[in-house]
Amino acid sequence: MNPFEMVVAIIVVITIGKVLNTRFQARHALPSDEEGNGTYSQDPDASRLREEIKYLKERVAVLEKIATDDRGARELENEIEKLRDR
């Protein structure tokens, strides 16, 4: 294979790769790197949903901490027992 054929083969492989990549992104609605360095579109509804998911994740983390915090449960039991003894 001479150098000219090798250059043409490389260009063909790169072109096929780009076409397949673009097709995959279009089929799966993925944002491309050329649209704002891979950031999502500025859809206000999508932005609102992202903020809501972030808020819910933070809230779940707090609830998990409360549910697994053993110290708070023991203190609550002690307070209840103190009130019963009165």
Protein backbone atom coordinates (compact mmCIF):
# COMPACT_ATOMS: atom_id res chain seq x y z
CA MET A 1 0.00 0.00 0.00
CA ASN A 2 1.52 3.29 -1.01
CA PRO A 3 1.30 6.44 1.16
CA PHE A 4 -1.46 7.98 -0.97
CA GLU A 5 -3.72 4.95 -0.49
CA MET A 6 -3.03 4.97 3.25
CA VAL A 7 -4.04 8.65 3.54
CA VAL A 8 -7.25 8.00 1.60
CA ALA A 9 -8.03 4.97 3.81
CA ILE A 10 -7.53 7.03 6.98
CA ILE A 11 -9.81 9.79 5.69
CA VAL A 12 -12.51 7.24 4.78
CA VAL A 13 -12.32 5.62 8.25
CA ILE A 14 -12.56 9.00 10.01
CA THR A 15 -15.49 10.07 7.83
CA ILE A 16 -17.39 6.85 8.50
CA GLY A 17 -16.72 7.28 12.23
CA LYS A 18 -18.06 10.83 12.23
CA VAL A 19 -21.19 9.80 10.30
CA LEU A 20 -21.89 6.94 12.71
CA ASN A 21 -21.28 9.18 15.72
CA THR A 22 -23.67 11.85 14.40
CA ARG A 23 -26.26 9.22 13.59
CA PHE A 24 -26.00 7.75 17.10
CA GLN A 25 -26.36 11.17 18.73
CA ALA A 26 -29.36 12.04 16.58
CA ARG A 27 -31.03 8.72 17.23
CA HIS A 28 -30.60 8.98 21.00
CA ALA A 29 -31.07 12.76 21.25
CA LEU A 30 -27.67 13.32 22.85
CA PRO A 31 -26.22 16.83 22.86
CA SER A 32 -23.11 17.17 20.75
CA ASP A 33 -19.90 18.77 21.96
CA GLU A 34 -20.30 21.54 19.41
CA GLU A 35 -23.49 22.76 21.12
CA GLY A 36 -22.11 24.57 24.15
CA ASN A 37 -19.31 22.16 25.01
CA GLY A 38 -21.60 19.24 25.77
CA THR A 39 -24.07 21.16 27.91
CA TYR A 40 -27.75 20.56 27.55
CA SER A 41 -30.05 22.82 25.61
CA GLN A 42 -31.56 25.85 27.30
CA ASP A 43 -35.05 24.34 27.51
CA PRO A 44 -36.70 26.02 30.53
CA ASP A 45 -38.74 22.92 31.33
CA ALA A 46 -35.63 20.71 31.33
CA SER A 47 -33.81 23.23 33.51
CA ARG A 48 -36.69 23.28 35.99
CA LEU A 49 -36.75 19.48 36.11
CA ARG A 50 -32.98 19.35 36.71
CA GLU A 51 -33.34 21.77 39.63
CA GLU A 52 -36.24 19.75 41.05
CA ILE A 53 -34.23 16.52 40.81
CA LYS A 54 -31.30 18.20 42.56
CA TYR A 55 -33.61 19.41 45.34
CA LEU A 56 -35.19 15.95 45.73
CA LYS A 57 -31.79 14.24 45.89
CA GLU A 58 -30.71 16.61 48.66
CA ARG A 59 -33.94 15.97 50.51
CA VAL A 60 -33.58 12.18 50.20
CA ALA A 61 -30.03 12.46 51.57
CA VAL A 62 -31.34 14.33 54.61
CA LEU A 63 -34.12 11.79 55.15
CA GLU A 64 -31.63 8.91 54.89
CA LYS A 65 -29.44 10.61 57.47
CA ILE A 66 -32.41 11.04 59.81
CA ALA A 67 -33.54 7.44 59.32
CA THR A 68 -30.10 6.00 59.99
CA ASP A 69 -29.13 8.32 62.84
CA ASP A 70 -29.35 6.04 65.86
CA ARG A 71 -28.45 8.71 68.40
CA GLY A 72 -31.54 10.79 67.66
CA ALA A 73 -33.81 7.77 68.07
CA ARG A 74 -32.33 6.92 71.46
CA GLU A 75 -32.69 10.52 72.65
CA LEU A 76 -36.31 10.54 71.51
CA GLU A 77 -37.00 7.28 73.37
CA ASN A 78 -35.44 8.73 76.53
CA GLU A 79 -37.60 11.86 76.26
CA ILE A 80 -40.74 9.74 75.84
CA GLU A 81 -39.82 7.61 78.87
CA LYS A 82 -39.22 10.76 80.94
CA LEU A 83 -42.67 12.05 80.03
CA ARG A 84 -44.28 8.70 80.91
CA ASP A 85 -42.60 8.61 84.33
CA ARG A 86 -44.15 11.93 85.34
